[in-house]
């Protein structure tokens, strides 16, 4: 049980790091874009592929988590493109949408964790 809690906390931390990278880029910090633009290259995406699906792929929320994870990267790409186009204020205002999607990911992780313990 303690190991399980640790793994889900690690996944949440990886997700928070992704959000931080997106926000940093939008606010003008030089940030590597590959983990922002490609859902397979971010640490959370690697967690999903290497840990999440092998252990929890039978839980319906895991498929939903993967879908929302891809969507948040699509949205992050949209924000990056706004920033690249000089639409800084629009990109900053769009961070609220990033948070909404991020909240879905956290909720799904909690659902997967709860279902894996039942």
PDB file of N, CA and C in Angstrom:
ATOM      1  N   UNK A   1       0.826  -1.195   0.000  1.00  0.00           N
ATOM      2  CA  UNK A   1       0.000   0.000   0.000  1.00  0.00           C
ATOM      3  C   UNK A   1       0.869   1.259   0.000  1.00  0.00           C
ATOM      4  N   UNK A   2       1.931   1.256   0.811  1.00  0.00           N
ATOM      5  CA  UNK A   2       2.804   2.419   0.876  1.00  0.00           C
ATOM      6  C   UNK A   2       3.506   2.626  -0.470  1.00  0.00           C
ATOM      7  N   UNK A   3       3.910   1.526  -1.105  1.00  0.00           N
ATOM      8  CA  UNK A   3       4.543   1.604  -2.421  1.00  0.00           C
ATOM      9  C   UNK A   3       3.577   2.214  -3.432  1.00  0.00           C
ATOM     10  N   UNK A   4       2.328   1.788  -3.368  1.00  0.00           N
ATOM     11  CA  UNK A   4       1.308   2.295  -4.274  1.00  0.00           C
ATOM     12  C   UNK A   4       1.129   3.795  -4.086  1.00  0.00           C
ATOM     13  N   UNK A   5       1.042   4.242  -2.839  1.00  0.00           N
ATOM     14  CA  UNK A   5       0.910   5.671  -2.562  1.00  0.00           C
ATOM     15  C   UNK A   5       2.097   6.438  -3.133  1.00  0.00           C
ATOM     16  N   UNK A   6       3.285   5.886  -2.958  1.00  0.00           N
ATOM     17  CA  UNK A   6       4.494   6.541  -3.465  1.00  0.00           C
ATOM     18  C   UNK A   6       4.443   6.672  -4.987  1.00  0.00           C
ATOM     19  N   UNK A   7       4.022   5.635  -5.673  1.00  0.00           N
ATOM     20  CA  UNK A   7       3.977   5.666  -7.135  1.00  0.00           C
ATOM     21  C   UNK A   7       2.984   6.702  -7.649  1.00  0.00           C
ATOM     22  N   UNK A   8       1.840   6.815  -6.999  1.00  0.00           N
ATOM     23  CA  UNK A   8       0.868   7.812  -7.440  1.00  0.00           C
ATOM     24  C   UNK A   8       1.331   9.225  -7.100  1.00  0.00           C
ATOM     25  N   UNK A   9       1.992   9.387  -5.975  1.00  0.00           N
ATOM     26  CA  UNK A   9       2.564  10.700  -5.648  1.00  0.00           C
ATOM     27  C   UNK A   9       3.642  11.072  -6.654  1.00  0.00           C
ATOM     28  N   UNK A  10       4.428  10.106  -7.078  1.00  0.00           N
ATOM     29  CA  UNK A  10       5.454  10.356  -8.097  1.00  0.00           C
ATOM     30  C   UNK A  10       4.802  10.785  -9.412  1.00  0.00           C
ATOM     31  N   UNK A  11       3.708  10.149  -9.781  1.00  0.00           N
ATOM     32  CA  UNK A  11       3.002  10.509 -11.013  1.00  0.00           C
ATOM     33  C   UNK A  11       2.465  11.934 -10.924  1.00  0.00           C
ATOM     34  N   UNK A  12       1.894  12.282  -9.784  1.00  0.00           N
ATOM     35  CA  UNK A  12       1.365  13.633  -9.595  1.00  0.00           C
ATOM     36  C   UNK A  12       2.497  14.653  -9.674  1.00  0.00           C
ATOM     37  N   UNK A  13       3.629  14.335  -9.076  1.00  0.00           N
ATOM     38  CA  UNK A  13       4.784  15.238  -9.131  1.00  0.00           C
ATOM     39  C   UNK A  13       5.248  15.441 -10.567  1.00  0.00           C
ATOM     40  N   UNK A  14       5.300  14.371 -11.344  1.00  0.00           N
ATOM     41  CA  UNK A  14       5.705  14.470 -12.751  1.00  0.00           C
ATOM     42  C   UNK A  14       4.732  15.370 -13.518  1.00  0.00           C
ATOM     43  N   UNK A  15       3.463  15.254 -13.197  1.00  0.00           N
ATOM     44  CA  UNK A  15       2.445  16.083 -13.840  1.00  0.00           C
ATOM     45  C   UNK A  15       2.633  17.556 -13.454  1.00  0.00           C
ATOM     46  N   UNK A  16       2.893  17.825 -12.185  1.00  0.00           N
ATOM     47  CA  UNK A  16       3.121  19.203 -11.743  1.00  0.00           C
ATOM     48  C   UNK A  16       4.351  19.806 -12.428  1.00  0.00           C
ATOM     49  N   UNK A  17       5.375  19.007 -12.636  1.00  0.00           N
ATOM     50  CA  UNK A  17       6.572  19.496 -13.329  1.00  0.00           C
ATOM     51  C   UNK A  17       6.240  19.900 -14.766  1.00  0.00           C
ATOM     52  N   UNK A  18       5.388  19.127 -15.410  1.00  0.00           N
ATOM     53  CA  UNK A  18       4.952  19.476 -16.765  1.00  0.00           C
ATOM     54  C   UNK A  18       4.254  20.830 -16.762  1.00  0.00           C
ATOM     55  N   UNK A  19       3.307  21.001 -15.840  1.00  0.00           N
ATOM     56  CA  UNK A  19       2.590  22.278 -15.759  1.00  0.00           C
ATOM     57  C   UNK A  19       3.556  23.434 -15.542  1.00  0.00           C
ATOM     58  N   UNK A  20       4.523  23.217 -14.687  1.00  0.00           N
ATOM     59  CA  UNK A  20       5.514  24.246 -14.388  1.00  0.00           C
ATOM     60  C   UNK A  20       6.312  24.624 -15.634  1.00  0.00           C
ATOM     61  N   UNK A  21       6.660  23.634 -16.441  1.00  0.00           N
ATOM     62  CA  UNK A  21       7.409  23.905 -17.674  1.00  0.00           C
ATOM     63  C   UNK A  21       6.579  24.732 -18.654  1.00  0.00           C
ATOM     64  N   UNK A  22       5.302  24.399 -18.767  1.00  0.00           N
ATOM     65  CA  UNK A  22       4.431  25.158 -19.669  1.00  0.00           C
ATOM     66  C   UNK A  22       4.321  26.601 -19.185  1.00  0.00           C
ATOM     67  N   UNK A  23       4.054  26.772 -17.905  1.00  0.00           N
ATOM     68  CA  UNK A  23       3.922  28.125 -17.351  1.00  0.00           C
ATOM     69  C   UNK A  23       5.220  28.908 -17.514  1.00  0.00           C
ATOM     70  N   UNK A  24       6.337  28.267 -17.262  1.00  0.00           N
ATOM     71  CA  UNK A  24       7.632  28.938 -17.411  1.00  0.00           C
ATOM     72  C   UNK A  24       7.815  29.437 -18.840  1.00  0.00           C
ATOM     73  N   UNK A  25       7.499  28.584 -19.806  1.00  0.00           N
ATOM     74  CA  UNK A  25       7.649  28.995 -21.199  1.00  0.00           C
ATOM     75  C   UNK A  25       6.740  30.176 -21.518  1.00  0.00           C
ATOM     76  N   UNK A  26       5.495  30.084 -21.097  1.00  0.00           N
ATOM     77  CA  UNK A  26       4.537  31.152 -21.388  1.00  0.00           C
ATOM     78  C   UNK A  26       4.991  32.477 -20.770  1.00  0.00           C
ATOM     79  N   UNK A  27       5.613  32.410 -19.605  1.00  0.00           N
ATOM     80  CA  UNK A  27       6.085  33.629 -18.946  1.00  0.00           C
ATOM     81  C   UNK A  27       7.472  34.058 -19.418  1.00  0.00           C
ATOM     82  N   UNK A  28       8.022  33.375 -20.414  1.00  0.00           N
ATOM     83  CA  UNK A  28       9.240  33.845 -21.043  1.00  0.00           C
ATOM     84  C   UNK A  28      10.531  33.176 -20.640  1.00  0.00           C
ATOM     85  N   UNK A  29      10.465  32.118 -19.861  1.00  0.00           N
ATOM     86  CA  UNK A  29      11.670  31.393 -19.465  1.00  0.00           C
ATOM     87  C   UNK A  29      12.042  30.426 -20.587  1.00  0.00           C
ATOM     88  N   UNK A  30      13.325  30.373 -20.928  1.00  0.00           N
ATOM     89  CA  UNK A  30      13.799  29.448 -21.953  1.00  0.00           C
ATOM     90  C   UNK A  30      13.633  28.017 -21.435  1.00  0.00           C
ATOM     91  N   UNK A  31      12.753  27.279 -22.055  1.00  0.00           N
ATOM     92  CA  UNK A  31      12.377  25.944 -21.590  1.00  0.00           C
ATOM     93  C   UNK A  31      12.424  24.964 -22.763  1.00  0.00           C
ATOM     94  N   UNK A  32      12.879  23.758 -22.506  1.00  0.00           N
ATOM     95  CA  UNK A  32      12.871  22.719 -23.545  1.00  0.00           C
ATOM     96  C   UNK A  32      11.431  22.443 -23.964  1.00  0.00           C
ATOM     97  N   UNK A  33      11.188  22.479 -25.252  1.00  0.00           N
ATOM     98  CA  UNK A  33       9.817  22.330 -25.736  1.00  0.00           C
ATOM     99  C   UNK A  33       9.398  20.889 -25.991  1.00  0.00           C
ATOM    100  N   UNK A  34      10.320  19.991 -26.262  1.00  0.00           N
ATOM    101  CA  UNK A  34       9.945  18.610 -26.603  1.00  0.00           C
ATOM    102  C   UNK A  34       9.033  17.972 -25.556  1.00  0.00           C
ATOM    103  N   UNK A  35       9.328  18.071 -24.251  1.00  0.00           N
ATOM    104  CA  UNK A  35       8.426  17.457 -23.269  1.00  0.00           C
ATOM    105  C   UNK A  35       7.076  18.165 -23.156  1.00  0.00           C
ATOM    106  N   UNK A  36       6.998  19.396 -23.633  1.00  0.00           N
ATOM    107  CA  UNK A  36       5.724  20.117 -23.611  1.00  0.00           C
ATOM    108  C   UNK A  36       4.881  19.708 -24.815  1.00  0.00           C
ATOM    109  N   UNK A  37       5.514  19.617 -25.959  1.00  0.00           N
ATOM    110  CA  UNK A  37       4.788  19.391 -27.206  1.00  0.00           C
ATOM    111  C   UNK A  37       4.433  17.932 -27.461  1.00  0.00           C
ATOM    112  N   UNK A  38       5.215  17.018 -26.962  1.00  0.00           N
ATOM    113  CA  UNK A  38       5.011  15.592 -27.249  1.00  0.00           C
ATOM    114  C   UNK A  38       4.662  14.834 -25.967  1.00  0.00           C
ATOM    115  N   UNK A  39       3.443  14.334 -25.909  1.00  0.00           N
ATOM    116  CA  UNK A  39       2.969  13.644 -24.703  1.00  0.00           C
ATOM    117  C   UNK A  39       3.773  12.380 -24.397  1.00  0.00           C
ATOM    118  N   UNK A  40       4.492  11.862 -25.370  1.00  0.00           N
ATOM    119  CA  UNK A  40       5.296  10.657 -25.126  1.00  0.00           C
ATOM    120  C   UNK A  40       6.665  10.972 -24.537  1.00  0.00           C
ATOM    121  N   UNK A  41       7.080  12.240 -24.609  1.00  0.00           N
ATOM    122  CA  UNK A  41       8.408  12.611 -24.126  1.00  0.00           C
ATOM    123  C   UNK A  41       8.412  13.214 -22.727  1.00  0.00           C
ATOM    124  N   UNK A  42       7.259  13.570 -22.212  1.00  0.00           N
ATOM    125  CA  UNK A  42       7.241  14.141 -20.861  1.00  0.00           C
ATOM    126  C   UNK A  42       7.325  13.003 -19.835  1.00  0.00           C
ATOM    127  N   UNK A  43       7.797  13.326 -18.661  1.00  0.00           N
ATOM    128  CA  UNK A  43       7.972  12.303 -17.617  1.00  0.00           C
ATOM    129  C   UNK A  43       6.658  11.627 -17.247  1.00  0.00           C
ATOM    130  N   UNK A  44       5.573  12.378 -17.243  1.00  0.00           N
ATOM    131  CA  UNK A  44       4.277  11.792 -16.913  1.00  0.00           C
ATOM    132  C   UNK A  44       3.833  10.818 -18.006  1.00  0.00           C
ATOM    133  N   UNK A  45       4.062  11.176 -19.260  1.00  0.00           N
ATOM    134  CA  UNK A  45       3.739  10.271 -20.368  1.00  0.00           C
ATOM    135  C   UNK A  45       4.539   8.984 -20.303  1.00  0.00           C
ATOM    136  N   UNK A  46       5.789   9.101 -19.892  1.00  0.00           N
ATOM    137  CA  UNK A  46       6.625   7.912 -19.709  1.00  0.00           C
ATOM    138  C   UNK A  46       6.080   7.069 -18.566  1.00  0.00           C
ATOM    139  N   UNK A  47       5.617   7.715 -17.484  1.00  0.00           N
ATOM    140  CA  UNK A  47       5.011   6.995 -16.355  1.00  0.00           C
ATOM    141  C   UNK A  47       3.773   6.234 -16.835  1.00  0.00           C
ATOM    142  N   UNK A  48       2.937   6.896 -17.635  1.00  0.00           N
ATOM    143  CA  UNK A  48       1.723   6.245 -18.145  1.00  0.00           C
ATOM    144  C   UNK A  48       2.092   4.988 -18.932  1.00  0.00           C
ATOM    145  N   UNK A  49       3.058   5.115 -19.843  1.00  0.00           N
ATOM    146  CA  UNK A  49       3.435   3.994 -20.715  1.00  0.00           C
ATOM    147  C   UNK A  49       4.128   2.870 -19.948  1.00  0.00           C
ATOM    148  N   UNK A  50       5.090   3.231 -19.111  1.00  0.00           N
ATOM    149  CA  UNK A  50       5.926   2.217 -18.462  1.00  0.00           C
ATOM    150  C   UNK A  50       5.344   1.660 -17.172  1.00  0.00           C
ATOM    151  N   UNK A  51       4.495   2.413 -16.518  1.00  0.00           N
ATOM    152  CA  UNK A  51       3.980   1.991 -15.218  1.00  0.00           C
ATOM    153  C   UNK A  51       2.452   1.921 -15.209  1.00  0.00           C
ATOM    154  N   UNK A  52       1.817   2.996 -15.663  1.00  0.00           N
ATOM    155  CA  UNK A  52       0.360   3.078 -15.583  1.00  0.00           C
ATOM    156  C   UNK A  52      -0.365   1.989 -16.355  1.00  0.00           C
ATOM    157  N   UNK A  53      -0.102   1.901 -17.653  1.00  0.00           N
ATOM    158  CA  UNK A  53      -0.809   0.902 -18.459  1.00  0.00           C
ATOM    159  C   UNK A  53      -0.495  -0.536 -18.076  1.00  0.00           C
ATOM    160  N   UNK A  54       0.773  -0.884 -17.834  1.00  0.00           N
ATOM    161  CA  UNK A  54       1.032  -2.276 -17.454  1.00  0.00           C
ATOM    162  C   UNK A  54       0.304  -2.711 -16.178  1.00  0.00           C
ATOM    163  N   UNK A  55       0.165  -1.807 -15.225  1.00  0.00           N
ATOM    164  CA  UNK A  55      -0.459  -2.183 -13.952  1.00  0.00           C
ATOM    165  C   UNK A  55      -1.939  -1.850 -13.862  1.00  0.00           C
ATOM    166  N   UNK A  56      -2.382  -0.800 -14.541  1.00  0.00           N
ATOM    167  CA  UNK A  56      -3.754  -0.320 -14.359  1.00  0.00           C
ATOM    168  C   UNK A  56      -4.537  -0.211 -15.662  1.00  0.00           C
ATOM    169  N   UNK A  57      -4.019  -0.778 -16.730  1.00  0.00           N
ATOM    170  CA  UNK A  57      -4.691  -0.697 -18.022  1.00  0.00           C
ATOM    171  C   UNK A  57      -6.084  -1.295 -18.022  1.00  0.00           C
ATOM    172  N   UNK A  58      -6.377  -2.163 -17.057  1.00  0.00           N
ATOM    173  CA  UNK A  58      -7.700  -2.787 -16.951  1.00  0.00           C
ATOM    174  C   UNK A  58      -8.732  -1.848 -16.324  1.00  0.00           C
ATOM    175  N   UNK A  59      -8.284  -0.748 -15.751  1.00  0.00           N
ATOM    176  CA  UNK A  59      -9.188   0.216 -15.111  1.00  0.00           C
ATOM    177  C   UNK A  59      -9.604   1.241 -16.168  1.00  0.00           C
ATOM    178  N   UNK A  60     -10.920   1.402 -16.409  1.00  0.00           N
ATOM    179  CA  UNK A  60     -11.377   2.322 -17.458  1.00  0.00           C
ATOM    180  C   UNK A  60     -10.816   3.741 -17.327  1.00  0.00           C
ATOM    181  N   UNK A  61     -10.632   4.207 -16.120  1.00  0.00           N
ATOM    182  CA  UNK A  61     -10.117   5.568 -15.929  1.00  0.00           C
ATOM    183  C   UNK A  61      -8.700   5.724 -16.475  1.00  0.00           C
ATOM    184  N   UNK A  62      -7.976   4.620 -16.633  1.00  0.00           N
ATOM    185  CA  UNK A  62      -6.616   4.690 -17.171  1.00  0.00           C
ATOM    186  C   UNK A  62      -6.648   5.111 -18.637  1.00  0.00           C
ATOM    187  N   UNK A  63      -7.595   4.574 -19.398  1.00  0.00           N
ATOM    188  CA  UNK A  63      -7.750   4.984 -20.797  1.00  0.00           C
ATOM    189  C   UNK A  63      -8.148   6.450 -20.884  1.00  0.00           C
ATOM    190  N   UNK A  64      -9.027   6.845 -19.987  1.00  0.00           N
ATOM    191  CA  UNK A  64      -9.462   8.239 -19.941  1.00  0.00           C
ATOM    192  C   UNK A  64      -8.285   9.150 -19.574  1.00  0.00           C
ATOM    193  N   UNK A  65      -7.455   8.707 -18.635  1.00  0.00           N
ATOM    194  CA  UNK A  65      -6.277   9.476 -18.238  1.00  0.00           C
ATOM    195  C   UNK A  65      -5.358   9.688 -19.438  1.00  0.00           C
ATOM    196  N   UNK A  66      -5.123   8.654 -20.201  1.00  0.00           N
ATOM    197  CA  UNK A  66      -4.257   8.777 -21.373  1.00  0.00           C
ATOM    198  C   UNK A  66      -4.826   9.785 -22.367  1.00  0.00           C
ATOM    199  N   UNK A  67      -6.134   9.738 -22.570  1.00  0.00           N
ATOM    200  CA  UNK A  67      -6.794  10.667 -23.498  1.00  0.00           C
ATOM    201  C   UNK A  67      -6.652  12.106 -23.009  1.00  0.00           C
ATOM    202  N   UNK A  68      -6.932  12.349 -21.734  1.00  0.00           N
ATOM    203  CA  UNK A  68      -6.829  13.703 -21.183  1.00  0.00           C
ATOM    204  C   UNK A  68      -5.374  14.173 -21.209  1.00  0.00           C
ATOM    205  N   UNK A  69      -4.447  13.252 -20.984  1.00  0.00           N
ATOM    206  CA  UNK A  69      -3.030  13.603 -21.042  1.00  0.00           C
ATOM    207  C   UNK A  69      -2.648  14.072 -22.452  1.00  0.00           C
ATOM    208  N   UNK A  70      -3.115  13.381 -23.462  1.00  0.00           N
ATOM    209  CA  UNK A  70      -2.851  13.815 -24.837  1.00  0.00           C
ATOM    210  C   UNK A  70      -3.485  15.179 -25.099  1.00  0.00           C
ATOM    211  N   UNK A  71      -4.704  15.379 -24.584  1.00  0.00           N
ATOM    212  CA  UNK A  71      -5.407  16.648 -24.782  1.00  0.00           C
ATOM    213  C   UNK A  71      -4.683  17.810 -24.103  1.00  0.00           C
ATOM    214  N   UNK A  72      -4.133  17.580 -22.913  1.00  0.00           N
ATOM    215  CA  UNK A  72      -3.440  18.673 -22.228  1.00  0.00           C
ATOM    216  C   UNK A  72      -2.180  19.069 -23.001  1.00  0.00           C
ATOM    217  N   UNK A  73      -1.551  18.101 -23.651  1.00  0.00           N
ATOM    218  CA  UNK A  73      -0.384  18.435 -24.476  1.00  0.00           C
ATOM    219  C   UNK A  73      -0.803  19.205 -25.728  1.00  0.00           C
ATOM    220  N   UNK A  74      -1.942  18.853 -26.301  1.00  0.00           N
ATOM    221  CA  UNK A  74      -2.454  19.612 -27.443  1.00  0.00           C
ATOM    222  C   UNK A  74      -2.731  21.050 -27.026  1.00  0.00           C
ATOM    223  N   UNK A  75      -3.307  21.209 -25.840  1.00  0.00           N
ATOM    224  CA  UNK A  75      -3.602  22.551 -25.340  1.00  0.00           C
ATOM    225  C   UNK A  75      -2.307  23.303 -25.030  1.00  0.00           C
ATOM    226  N   UNK A  76      -1.334  22.624 -24.462  1.00  0.00           N
ATOM    227  CA  UNK A  76      -0.038  23.249 -24.174  1.00  0.00           C
ATOM    228  C   UNK A  76       0.628  23.700 -25.477  1.00  0.00           C
ATOM    229  N   UNK A  77       0.502  22.903 -26.524  1.00  0.00           N
ATOM    230  CA  UNK A  77       1.044  23.277 -27.832  1.00  0.00           C
ATOM    231  C   UNK A  77       0.365  24.545 -28.343  1.00  0.00           C
ATOM    232  N   UNK A  78      -0.934  24.628 -28.133  1.00  0.00           N
ATOM    233  CA  UNK A  78      -1.687  25.833 -28.501  1.00  0.00           C
ATOM    234  C   UNK A  78      -1.124  27.052 -27.766  1.00  0.00           C
ATOM    235  N   UNK A  79      -0.870  26.916 -26.462  1.00  0.00           N
ATOM    236  CA  UNK A  79      -0.318  28.028 -25.682  1.00  0.00           C
ATOM    237  C   UNK A  79       1.085  28.402 -26.167  1.00  0.00           C
ATOM    238  N   UNK A  80       1.896  27.403 -26.457  1.00  0.00           N
ATOM    239  CA  UNK A  80       3.249  27.656 -26.974  1.00  0.00           C
ATOM    240  C   UNK A  80       3.169  28.420 -28.297  1.00  0.00           C
ATOM    241  N   UNK A  81       2.261  28.014 -29.161  1.00  0.00           N
ATOM    242  CA  UNK A  81       2.119  28.692 -30.452  1.00  0.00           C
ATOM    243  C   UNK A  81       1.643  30.132 -30.290  1.00  0.00           C
ATOM    244  N   UNK A  82       0.762  30.366 -29.307  1.00  0.00           N
ATOM    245  CA  UNK A  82       0.358  31.743 -29.019  1.00  0.00           C
ATOM    246  C   UNK A  82       1.571  32.572 -28.614  1.00  0.00           C
ATOM    247  N   UNK A  83       2.364  32.024 -27.718  1.00  0.00           N
ATOM    248  CA  UNK A  83       3.562  32.718 -27.240  1.00  0.00           C
ATOM    249  C   UNK A  83       4.524  32.985 -28.399  1.00  0.00           C
ATOM    250  N   UNK A  84       4.746  31.992 -29.231  1.00  0.00           N
ATOM    251  CA  UNK A  84       5.652  32.154 -30.377  1.00  0.00           C
ATOM    252  C   UNK A  84       5.148  33.220 -31.350  1.00  0.00           C
ATOM    253  N   UNK A  85       3.822  33.388 -31.413  1.00  0.00           N
ATOM    254  CA  UNK A  85       3.217  34.368 -32.320  1.00  0.00           C
ATOM    255  C   UNK A  85       3.178  35.768 -31.719  1.00  0.00           C
ATOM    256  N   UNK A  86       3.741  35.917 -30.528  1.00  0.00           N
ATOM    257  CA  UNK A  86       3.748  37.225 -29.880  1.00  0.00           C
ATOM    258  C   UNK A  86       2.462  37.556 -29.145  1.00  0.00           C
ATOM    259  N   UNK A  87       1.591  36.581 -28.986  1.00  0.00           N
ATOM    260  CA  UNK A  87       0.319  36.795 -28.280  1.00  0.00           C
ATOM    261  C   UNK A  87       0.488  36.402 -26.815  1.00  0.00           C
ATOM    262  N   UNK A  88       1.408  37.098 -26.145  1.00  0.00           N
ATOM    263  CA  UNK A  88       1.778  36.754 -24.772  1.00  0.00           C
ATOM    264  C   UNK A  88       0.601  36.815 -23.807  1.00  0.00           C
ATOM    265  N   UNK A  89      -0.173  37.887 -23.882  1.00  0.00           N
ATOM    266  CA  UNK A  89      -1.288  38.047 -22.948  1.00  0.00           C
ATOM    267  C   UNK A  89      -2.330  36.946 -23.144  1.00  0.00           C
ATOM    268  N   UNK A  90      -2.595  36.615 -24.388  1.00  0.00           N
ATOM    269  CA  UNK A  90      -3.553  35.543 -24.679  1.00  0.00           C
ATOM    270  C   UNK A  90      -3.038  34.203 -24.147  1.00  0.00           C
ATOM    271  N   UNK A  91      -1.745  33.964 -24.291  1.00  0.00           N
ATOM    272  CA  UNK A  91      -1.148  32.728 -23.773  1.00  0.00           C
ATOM    273  C   UNK A  91      -1.247  32.684 -22.251  1.00  0.00           C
ATOM    274  N   UNK A  92      -0.952  33.797 -21.607  1.00  0.00           N
ATOM    275  CA  UNK A  92      -1.041  33.853 -20.140  1.00  0.00           C
ATOM    276  C   UNK A  92      -2.474  33.625 -19.687  1.00  0.00           C
ATOM    277  N   UNK A  93      -3.421  34.271 -20.349  1.00  0.00           N
ATOM    278  CA  UNK A  93      -4.834  34.075 -19.994  1.00  0.00           C
ATOM    279  C   UNK A  93      -5.277  32.637 -20.231  1.00  0.00           C
ATOM    280  N   UNK A  94      -4.643  31.962 -21.176  1.00  0.00           N
ATOM    281  CA  UNK A  94      -4.982  30.572 -21.480  1.00  0.00           C
ATOM    282  C   UNK A  94      -4.503  29.578 -20.441  1.00  0.00           C
ATOM    283  N   UNK A  95      -3.662  30.031 -19.518  1.00  0.00           N
ATOM    284  CA  UNK A  95      -3.171  29.114 -18.479  1.00  0.00           C
ATOM    285  C   UNK A  95      -4.298  28.584 -17.597  1.00  0.00           C
ATOM    286  N   UNK A  96      -5.395  29.330 -17.488  1.00  0.00           N
ATOM    287  CA  UNK A  96      -6.544  28.837 -16.713  1.00  0.00           C
ATOM    288  C   UNK A  96      -7.086  27.548 -17.336  1.00  0.00           C
ATOM    289  N   UNK A  97      -7.105  27.478 -18.645  1.00  0.00           N
ATOM    290  CA  UNK A  97      -7.546  26.262 -19.331  1.00  0.00           C
ATOM    291  C   UNK A  97      -6.607  25.097 -19.079  1.00  0.00           C
ATOM    292  N   UNK A  98      -5.323  25.400 -18.958  1.00  0.00           N
ATOM    293  CA  UNK A  98      -4.347  24.361 -18.619  1.00  0.00           C
ATOM    294  C   UNK A  98      -4.654  23.793 -17.237  1.00  0.00           C
ATOM    295  N   UNK A  99      -4.962  24.675 -16.296  1.00  0.00           N
ATOM    296  CA  UNK A  99      -5.274  24.239 -14.927  1.00  0.00           C
ATOM    297  C   UNK A  99      -6.515  23.358 -14.887  1.00  0.00           C
ATOM    298  N   UNK A 100      -7.524  23.707 -15.673  1.00  0.00           N
ATOM    299  CA  UNK A 100      -8.750  22.895 -15.711  1.00  0.00           C
ATOM    300  C   UNK A 100      -8.433  21.472 -16.172  1.00  0.00           C
ATOM    301  N   UNK A 101      -7.647  21.370 -17.197  1.00  0.00           N
ATOM    302  CA  UNK A 101      -7.272  20.051 -17.714  1.00  0.00           C
ATOM    303  C   UNK A 101      -6.381  19.307 -16.721  1.00  0.00           C
ATOM    304  N   UNK A 102      -5.510  20.048 -16.067  1.00  0.00           N
ATOM    305  CA  UNK A 102      -4.623  19.445 -15.068  1.00  0.00           C
ATOM    306  C   UNK A 102      -5.427  18.881 -13.901  1.00  0.00           C
ATOM    307  N   UNK A 103      -6.478  19.584 -13.511  1.00  0.00           N
ATOM    308  CA  UNK A 103      -7.336  19.088 -12.427  1.00  0.00           C
ATOM    309  C   UNK A 103      -7.982  17.761 -12.810  1.00  0.00           C
ATOM    310  N   UNK A 104      -8.357  17.608 -14.070  1.00  0.00           N
ATOM    311  CA  UNK A 104      -8.938  16.344 -14.533  1.00  0.00           C
ATOM    312  C   UNK A 104      -7.937  15.207 -14.374  1.00  0.00           C
ATOM    313  N   UNK A 105      -6.692  15.479 -14.686  1.00  0.00           N
ATOM    314  CA  UNK A 105      -5.658  14.447 -14.569  1.00  0.00           C
ATOM    315  C   UNK A 105      -5.497  14.012 -13.121  1.00  0.00           C
ATOM    316  N   UNK A 106      -5.472  14.961 -12.208  1.00  0.00           N
ATOM    317  CA  UNK A 106      -5.333  14.631 -10.787  1.00  0.00           C
ATOM    318  C   UNK A 106      -6.528  13.806 -10.322  1.00  0.00           C
ATOM    319  N   UNK A 107      -7.731  14.198 -10.722  1.00  0.00           N
ATOM    320  CA  UNK A 107      -8.930  13.442 -10.344  1.00  0.00           C
ATOM    321  C   UNK A 107      -8.867  12.016 -10.882  1.00  0.00           C
ATOM    322  N   UNK A 108      -8.440  11.861 -12.117  1.00  0.00           N
ATOM    323  CA  UNK A 108      -8.343  10.523 -12.704  1.00  0.00           C
ATOM    324  C   UNK A 108      -7.291   9.678 -11.997  1.00  0.00           C
ATOM    325  N   UNK A 109      -6.174  10.275 -11.629  1.00  0.00           N
ATOM    326  CA  UNK A 109      -5.157   9.531 -10.877  1.00  0.00           C
ATOM    327  C   UNK A 109      -5.709   9.041  -9.547  1.00  0.00           C
ATOM    328  N   UNK A 110      -6.472   9.903  -8.872  1.00  0.00           N
ATOM    329  CA  UNK A 110      -7.077   9.485  -7.600  1.00  0.00           C
ATOM    330  C   UNK A 110      -8.088   8.356  -7.819  1.00  0.00           C
ATOM    331  N   UNK A 111      -8.841   8.432  -8.907  1.00  0.00           N
ATOM    332  CA  UNK A 111      -9.805   7.373  -9.230  1.00  0.00           C
ATOM    333  C   UNK A 111      -9.083   6.055  -9.487  1.00  0.00           C
ATOM    334  N   UNK A 112      -8.027   6.105 -10.274  1.00  0.00           N
ATOM    335  CA  UNK A 112      -7.264   4.888 -10.581  1.00  0.00           C
ATOM    336  C   UNK A 112      -6.668   4.302  -9.309  1.00  0.00           C
ATOM    337  N   UNK A 113      -6.125   5.154  -8.474  1.00  0.00           N
ATOM    338  CA  UNK A 113      -5.542   4.677  -7.218  1.00  0.00           C
ATOM    339  C   UNK A 113      -6.607   4.013  -6.349  1.00  0.00           C
ATOM    340  N   UNK A 114      -7.767   4.644  -6.221  1.00  0.00           N
ATOM    341  CA  UNK A 114      -8.838   4.082  -5.392  1.00  0.00           C
ATOM    342  C   UNK A 114      -9.322   2.749  -5.959  1.00  0.00           C
ATOM    343  N   UNK A 115      -9.502   2.682  -7.274  1.00  0.00           N
ATOM    344  CA  UNK A 115      -9.987   1.445  -7.887  1.00  0.00           C
ATOM    345  C   UNK A 115      -8.946   0.333  -7.826  1.00  0.00           C
ATOM    346  N   UNK A 116      -7.694   0.695  -7.818  1.00  0.00           N
ATOM    347  CA  UNK A 116      -6.652  -0.334  -7.745  1.00  0.00           C
ATOM    348  C   UNK A 116      -6.539  -0.928  -6.346  1.00  0.00           C
ATOM    349  N   UNK A 117      -7.070  -0.228  -5.362  1.00  0.00           N
ATOM    350  CA  UNK A 117      -7.000  -0.703  -3.980  1.00  0.00           C
ATOM    351  C   UNK A 117      -8.247  -1.465  -3.569  1.00  0.00           C
ATOM    352  N   UNK A 118      -9.269  -1.464  -4.435  1.00  0.00           N
ATOM    353  CA  UNK A 118     -10.514  -2.156  -4.056  1.00  0.00           C
ATOM    354  C   UNK A 118     -10.563  -3.567  -4.576  1.00  0.00           C
TER     355      UNK A 118
END
